[in-house]
Amino acid sequence: MNIRKEFTELECEWFRRACNFTPEEMEVFNLRVKDHSRVEIALSLGMSESTVDRRIKNIKKKIHKVL
């Protein structure tokens, strides 16, 4: 699943409401759908790339649960 390219803005808004993202996951999700890379997200949010990867993994799990 490619969060950056696979979903419309309307679908992303639905995920924001339905997935119960944590505040950090929401920040990562919002940057990811705006086509920011993992490195850009890490720098922007002051977290490591591995933390960003974990957040993305959790985001994808939550999206799969609501689909």
PDB file of N, CA and C in Angstrom:
ATOM      1  N   MET A   1       0.844  -1.169   0.000  1.00  0.00           N
ATOM      2  CA  MET A   1       0.000   0.000   0.000  1.00  0.00           C
ATOM      3  C   MET A   1       0.894   1.238   0.000  1.00  0.00           C
ATOM      4  N   ASN A   2       0.619   2.124  -0.918  1.00  0.00           N
ATOM      5  CA  ASN A   2       1.374   3.367  -0.997  1.00  0.00           C
ATOM      6  C   ASN A   2       0.471   4.509  -0.552  1.00  0.00           C
ATOM      7  N   ILE A   3       0.639   4.937   0.681  1.00  0.00           N
ATOM      8  CA  ILE A   3      -0.204   5.985   1.247  1.00  0.00           C
ATOM      9  C   ILE A   3      -0.119   7.267   0.411  1.00  0.00           C
ATOM     10  N   ARG A   4       1.042   7.536  -0.139  1.00  0.00           N
ATOM     11  CA  ARG A   4       1.250   8.786  -0.868  1.00  0.00           C
ATOM     12  C   ARG A   4       0.441   8.868  -2.151  1.00  0.00           C
ATOM     13  N   LYS A   5       0.211   7.762  -2.820  1.00  0.00           N
ATOM     14  CA  LYS A   5      -0.362   7.829  -4.160  1.00  0.00           C
ATOM     15  C   LYS A   5      -1.666   7.065  -4.327  1.00  0.00           C
ATOM     16  N   GLU A   6      -2.014   6.254  -3.362  1.00  0.00           N
ATOM     17  CA  GLU A   6      -3.118   5.334  -3.560  1.00  0.00           C
ATOM     18  C   GLU A   6      -4.485   5.905  -3.202  1.00  0.00           C
ATOM     19  N   PHE A   7      -4.544   6.912  -2.335  1.00  0.00           N
ATOM     20  CA  PHE A   7      -5.813   7.390  -1.823  1.00  0.00           C
ATOM     21  C   PHE A   7      -6.111   8.822  -2.225  1.00  0.00           C
ATOM     22  N   THR A   8      -7.401   9.104  -2.432  1.00  0.00           N
ATOM     23  CA  THR A   8      -7.834  10.473  -2.726  1.00  0.00           C
ATOM     24  C   THR A   8      -7.877  11.263  -1.420  1.00  0.00           C
ATOM     25  N   GLU A   9      -7.994  12.577  -1.533  1.00  0.00           N
ATOM     26  CA  GLU A   9      -8.077  13.411  -0.332  1.00  0.00           C
ATOM     27  C   GLU A   9      -9.329  13.070   0.476  1.00  0.00           C
ATOM     28  N   LEU A  10     -10.415  12.775  -0.196  1.00  0.00           N
ATOM     29  CA  LEU A  10     -11.646  12.401   0.499  1.00  0.00           C
ATOM     30  C   LEU A  10     -11.459  11.103   1.294  1.00  0.00           C
ATOM     31  N   GLU A  11     -10.785  10.133   0.698  1.00  0.00           N
ATOM     32  CA  GLU A  11     -10.488   8.883   1.403  1.00  0.00           C
ATOM     33  C   GLU A  11      -9.563   9.139   2.591  1.00  0.00           C
ATOM     34  N   CYS A  12      -8.575   9.997   2.408  1.00  0.00           N
ATOM     35  CA  CYS A  12      -7.648  10.323   3.497  1.00  0.00           C
ATOM     36  C   CYS A  12      -8.390  10.973   4.657  1.00  0.00           C
ATOM     37  N   GLU A  13      -9.329  11.838   4.354  1.00  0.00           N
ATOM     38  CA  GLU A  13     -10.113  12.478   5.405  1.00  0.00           C
ATOM     39  C   GLU A  13     -10.931  11.430   6.170  1.00  0.00           C
ATOM     40  N   TRP A  14     -11.482  10.463   5.458  1.00  0.00           N
ATOM     41  CA  TRP A  14     -12.225   9.390   6.108  1.00  0.00           C
ATOM     42  C   TRP A  14     -11.307   8.581   7.034  1.00  0.00           C
ATOM     43  N   PHE A  15     -10.088   8.270   6.565  1.00  0.00           N
ATOM     44  CA  PHE A  15      -9.127   7.538   7.395  1.00  0.00           C
ATOM     45  C   PHE A  15      -8.784   8.328   8.657  1.00  0.00           C
ATOM     46  N   ARG A  16      -8.627   9.640   8.514  1.00  0.00           N
ATOM     47  CA  ARG A  16      -8.314  10.469   9.677  1.00  0.00           C
ATOM     48  C   ARG A  16      -9.382  10.316  10.764  1.00  0.00           C
ATOM     49  N   ARG A  17     -10.622  10.209  10.361  1.00  0.00           N
ATOM     50  CA  ARG A  17     -11.721  10.068  11.329  1.00  0.00           C
ATOM     51  C   ARG A  17     -11.879   8.626  11.814  1.00  0.00           C
ATOM     52  N   ALA A  18     -11.707   7.661  10.926  1.00  0.00           N
ATOM     53  CA  ALA A  18     -12.048   6.264  11.242  1.00  0.00           C
ATOM     54  C   ALA A  18     -10.938   5.453  11.903  1.00  0.00           C
ATOM     55  N   CYS A  19      -9.703   5.845  11.710  1.00  0.00           N
ATOM     56  CA  CYS A  19      -8.590   4.985  12.119  1.00  0.00           C
ATOM     57  C   CYS A  19      -8.084   5.208  13.541  1.00  0.00           C
ATOM     58  N   ASN A  20      -8.557   6.243  14.202  1.00  0.00           N
ATOM     59  CA  ASN A  20      -8.115   6.498  15.573  1.00  0.00           C
ATOM     60  C   ASN A  20      -6.590   6.591  15.671  1.00  0.00           C
ATOM     61  N   PHE A  21      -5.992   7.373  14.772  1.00  0.00           N
ATOM     62  CA  PHE A  21      -4.548   7.578  14.800  1.00  0.00           C
ATOM     63  C   PHE A  21      -4.134   8.301  16.079  1.00  0.00           C
ATOM     64  N   THR A  22      -2.961   7.952  16.585  1.00  0.00           N
ATOM     65  CA  THR A  22      -2.377   8.726  17.679  1.00  0.00           C
ATOM     66  C   THR A  22      -1.960  10.075  17.105  1.00  0.00           C
ATOM     67  N   PRO A  23      -1.686  11.072  17.955  1.00  0.00           N
ATOM     68  CA  PRO A  23      -1.243  12.367  17.426  1.00  0.00           C
ATOM     69  C   PRO A  23       0.005  12.260  16.534  1.00  0.00           C
ATOM     70  N   GLU A  24       0.970  11.426  16.935  1.00  0.00           N
ATOM     71  CA  GLU A  24       2.178  11.240  16.108  1.00  0.00           C
ATOM     72  C   GLU A  24       1.847  10.573  14.781  1.00  0.00           C
ATOM     73  N   GLU A  25       0.999   9.553  14.822  1.00  0.00           N
ATOM     74  CA  GLU A  25       0.600   8.881  13.583  1.00  0.00           C
ATOM     75  C   GLU A  25      -0.115   9.857  12.656  1.00  0.00           C
ATOM     76  N   MET A  26      -0.950  10.714  13.215  1.00  0.00           N
ATOM     77  CA  MET A  26      -1.669  11.695  12.410  1.00  0.00           C
ATOM     78  C   MET A  26      -0.696  12.655  11.725  1.00  0.00           C
ATOM     79  N   GLU A  27       0.318  13.102  12.453  1.00  0.00           N
ATOM     80  CA  GLU A  27       1.321  13.990  11.852  1.00  0.00           C
ATOM     81  C   GLU A  27       2.043  13.293  10.702  1.00  0.00           C
ATOM     82  N   VAL A  28       2.448  12.050  10.938  1.00  0.00           N
ATOM     83  CA  VAL A  28       3.147  11.288   9.897  1.00  0.00           C
ATOM     84  C   VAL A  28       2.219  11.055   8.707  1.00  0.00           C
ATOM     85  N   PHE A  29       0.988  10.658   8.970  1.00  0.00           N
ATOM     86  CA  PHE A  29       0.019  10.419   7.902  1.00  0.00           C
ATOM     87  C   PHE A  29      -0.170  11.679   7.057  1.00  0.00           C
ATOM     88  N   ASN A  30      -0.378  12.812   7.708  1.00  0.00           N
ATOM     89  CA  ASN A  30      -0.613  14.059   6.982  1.00  0.00           C
ATOM     90  C   ASN A  30       0.571  14.448   6.102  1.00  0.00           C
ATOM     91  N   LEU A  31       1.774  14.252   6.599  1.00  0.00           N
ATOM     92  CA  LEU A  31       2.954  14.565   5.785  1.00  0.00           C
ATOM     93  C   LEU A  31       3.134  13.547   4.663  1.00  0.00           C
ATOM     94  N   ARG A  32       2.838  12.301   4.954  1.00  0.00           N
ATOM     95  CA  ARG A  32       3.015  11.247   3.945  1.00  0.00           C
ATOM     96  C   ARG A  32       2.061  11.433   2.768  1.00  0.00           C
ATOM     97  N   VAL A  33       0.811  11.792   3.049  1.00  0.00           N
ATOM     98  CA  VAL A  33      -0.139  11.972   1.946  1.00  0.00           C
ATOM     99  C   VAL A  33       0.180  13.227   1.136  1.00  0.00           C
ATOM    100  N   LYS A  34       1.000  14.115   1.710  1.00  0.00           N
ATOM    101  CA  LYS A  34       1.457  15.298   0.964  1.00  0.00           C
ATOM    102  C   LYS A  34       2.747  15.008   0.215  1.00  0.00           C
ATOM    103  N   ASP A  35       3.090  13.729   0.106  1.00  0.00           N
ATOM    104  CA  ASP A  35       4.227  13.244  -0.681  1.00  0.00           C
ATOM    105  C   ASP A  35       5.585  13.547  -0.068  1.00  0.00           C
ATOM    106  N   HIS A  36       5.657  13.677   1.250  1.00  0.00           N
ATOM    107  CA  HIS A  36       6.946  13.841   1.919  1.00  0.00           C
ATOM    108  C   HIS A  36       7.591  12.474   2.087  1.00  0.00           C
ATOM    109  N   SER A  37       8.901  12.430   1.939  1.00  0.00           N
ATOM    110  CA  SER A  37       9.633  11.167   2.108  1.00  0.00           C
ATOM    111  C   SER A  37       9.775  10.845   3.593  1.00  0.00           C
ATOM    112  N   ARG A  38      10.178   9.633   3.887  1.00  0.00           N
ATOM    113  CA  ARG A  38      10.418   9.229   5.272  1.00  0.00           C
ATOM    114  C   ARG A  38      11.481  10.117   5.914  1.00  0.00           C
ATOM    115  N   VAL A  39      12.519  10.439   5.168  1.00  0.00           N
ATOM    116  CA  VAL A  39      13.603  11.286   5.678  1.00  0.00           C
ATOM    117  C   VAL A  39      13.077  12.691   5.980  1.00  0.00           C
ATOM    118  N   GLU A  40      12.305  13.243   5.069  1.00  0.00           N
ATOM    119  CA  GLU A  40      11.729  14.577   5.283  1.00  0.00           C
ATOM    120  C   GLU A  40      10.819  14.592   6.512  1.00  0.00           C
ATOM    121  N   ILE A  41      10.026  13.534   6.668  1.00  0.00           N
ATOM    122  CA  ILE A  41       9.137  13.448   7.825  1.00  0.00           C
ATOM    123  C   ILE A  41       9.946  13.384   9.108  1.00  0.00           C
ATOM    124  N   ALA A  42      10.981  12.555   9.123  1.00  0.00           N
ATOM    125  CA  ALA A  42      11.830  12.422  10.313  1.00  0.00           C
ATOM    126  C   ALA A  42      12.447  13.765  10.691  1.00  0.00           C
ATOM    127  N   LEU A  43      12.979  14.471   9.709  1.00  0.00           N
ATOM    128  CA  LEU A  43      13.585  15.772   9.989  1.00  0.00           C
ATOM    129  C   LEU A  43      12.549  16.786  10.460  1.00  0.00           C
ATOM    130  N   SER A  44      11.415  16.784   9.831  1.00  0.00           N
ATOM    131  CA  SER A  44      10.352  17.735  10.157  1.00  0.00           C
ATOM    132  C   SER A  44       9.799  17.526  11.566  1.00  0.00           C
ATOM    133  N   LEU A  45       9.661  16.267  11.967  1.00  0.00           N
ATOM    134  CA  LEU A  45       9.047  15.959  13.256  1.00  0.00           C
ATOM    135  C   LEU A  45      10.063  15.660  14.358  1.00  0.00           C
ATOM    136  N   GLY A  46      11.346  15.691  14.016  1.00  0.00           N
ATOM    137  CA  GLY A  46      12.381  15.457  15.016  1.00  0.00           C
ATOM    138  C   GLY A  46      12.398  14.040  15.551  1.00  0.00           C
ATOM    139  N   MET A  47      12.176  13.074  14.659  1.00  0.00           N
ATOM    140  CA  MET A  47      12.232  11.667  15.059  1.00  0.00           C
ATOM    141  C   MET A  47      13.146  10.914  14.104  1.00  0.00           C
ATOM    142  N   SER A  48      13.546   9.732  14.503  1.00  0.00           N
ATOM    143  CA  SER A  48      14.422   8.929  13.654  1.00  0.00           C
ATOM    144  C   SER A  48      13.625   8.316  12.500  1.00  0.00           C
ATOM    145  N   GLU A  49      14.352   7.911  11.470  1.00  0.00           N
ATOM    146  CA  GLU A  49      13.706   7.241  10.335  1.00  0.00           C
ATOM    147  C   GLU A  49      13.041   5.935  10.777  1.00  0.00           C
ATOM    148  N   SER A  50      13.660   5.233  11.706  1.00  0.00           N
ATOM    149  CA  SER A  50      13.061   3.973  12.175  1.00  0.00           C
ATOM    150  C   SER A  50      11.753   4.240  12.919  1.00  0.00           C
ATOM    151  N   THR A  51      11.673   5.344  13.643  1.00  0.00           N
ATOM    152  CA  THR A  51      10.415   5.699  14.306  1.00  0.00           C
ATOM    153  C   THR A  51       9.351   6.029  13.269  1.00  0.00           C
ATOM    154  N   VAL A  52       9.734   6.766  12.231  1.00  0.00           N
ATOM    155  CA  VAL A  52       8.795   7.074  11.148  1.00  0.00           C
ATOM    156  C   VAL A  52       8.317   5.779  10.506  1.00  0.00           C
ATOM    157  N   ASP A  53       9.238   4.854  10.262  1.00  0.00           N
ATOM    158  CA  ASP A  53       8.862   3.555   9.670  1.00  0.00           C
ATOM    159  C   ASP A  53       7.856   2.813  10.550  1.00  0.00           C
ATOM    160  N   ARG A  54       8.081   2.833  11.865  1.00  0.00           N
ATOM    161  CA  ARG A  54       7.133   2.171  12.782  1.00  0.00           C
ATOM    162  C   ARG A  54       5.772   2.851  12.734  1.00  0.00           C
ATOM    163  N   ARG A  55       5.767   4.173  12.704  1.00  0.00           N
ATOM    164  CA  ARG A  55       4.490   4.905  12.637  1.00  0.00           C
ATOM    165  C   ARG A  55       3.744   4.557  11.346  1.00  0.00           C
ATOM    166  N   ILE A  56       4.471   4.508  10.233  1.00  0.00           N
ATOM    167  CA  ILE A  56       3.844   4.167   8.949  1.00  0.00           C
ATOM    168  C   ILE A  56       3.290   2.747   8.989  1.00  0.00           C
ATOM    169  N   LYS A  57       4.036   1.828   9.579  1.00  0.00           N
ATOM    170  CA  LYS A  57       3.575   0.443   9.702  1.00  0.00           C
ATOM    171  C   LYS A  57       2.274   0.395  10.510  1.00  0.00           C
ATOM    172  N   ASN A  58       2.218   1.123  11.622  1.00  0.00           N
ATOM    173  CA  ASN A  58       1.003   1.159  12.450  1.00  0.00           C
ATOM    174  C   ASN A  58      -0.151   1.813  11.707  1.00  0.00           C
ATOM    175  N   ILE A  59       0.138   2.861  10.957  1.00  0.00           N
ATOM    176  CA  ILE A  59      -0.888   3.538  10.158  1.00  0.00           C
ATOM    177  C   ILE A  59      -1.494   2.561   9.156  1.00  0.00           C
ATOM    178  N   LYS A  60      -0.647   1.834   8.463  1.00  0.00           N
ATOM    179  CA  LYS A  60      -1.130   0.870   7.470  1.00  0.00           C
ATOM    180  C   LYS A  60      -1.979  -0.215   8.111  1.00  0.00           C
ATOM    181  N   LYS A  61      -1.578  -0.688   9.294  1.00  0.00           N
ATOM    182  CA  LYS A  61      -2.371  -1.701  10.005  1.00  0.00           C
ATOM    183  C   LYS A  61      -3.763  -1.163  10.315  1.00  0.00           C
ATOM    184  N   LYS A  62      -3.825   0.078  10.790  1.00  0.00           N
ATOM    185  CA  LYS A  62      -5.109   0.677  11.145  1.00  0.00           C
ATOM    186  C   LYS A  62      -5.980   0.879   9.913  1.00  0.00           C
ATOM    187  N   ILE A  63      -5.366   1.272   8.797  1.00  0.00           N
ATOM    188  CA  ILE A  63      -6.124   1.436   7.558  1.00  0.00           C
ATOM    189  C   ILE A  63      -6.688   0.097   7.105  1.00  0.00           C
ATOM    190  N   HIS A  64      -5.875  -0.967   7.184  1.00  0.00           N
ATOM    191  CA  HIS A  64      -6.355  -2.308   6.792  1.00  0.00           C
ATOM    192  C   HIS A  64      -7.525  -2.747   7.664  1.00  0.00           C
ATOM    193  N   LYS A  65      -7.500  -2.395   8.933  1.00  0.00           N
ATOM    194  CA  LYS A  65      -8.581  -2.794   9.833  1.00  0.00           C
ATOM    195  C   LYS A  65      -9.910  -2.172   9.446  1.00  0.00           C
ATOM    196  N   VAL A  66      -9.890  -0.925   8.961  1.00  0.00           N
ATOM    197  CA  VAL A  66     -11.157  -0.250   8.648  1.00  0.00           C
ATOM    198  C   VAL A  66     -11.637  -0.489   7.224  1.00  0.00           C
ATOM    199  N   LEU A  67     -10.798  -1.089   6.403  1.00  0.00           N
ATOM    200  CA  LEU A  67     -11.217  -1.356   5.004  1.00  0.00           C
ATOM    201  C   LEU A  67     -12.075  -2.590   4.901  1.00  0.00           C
TER     202      LEU A  67
END
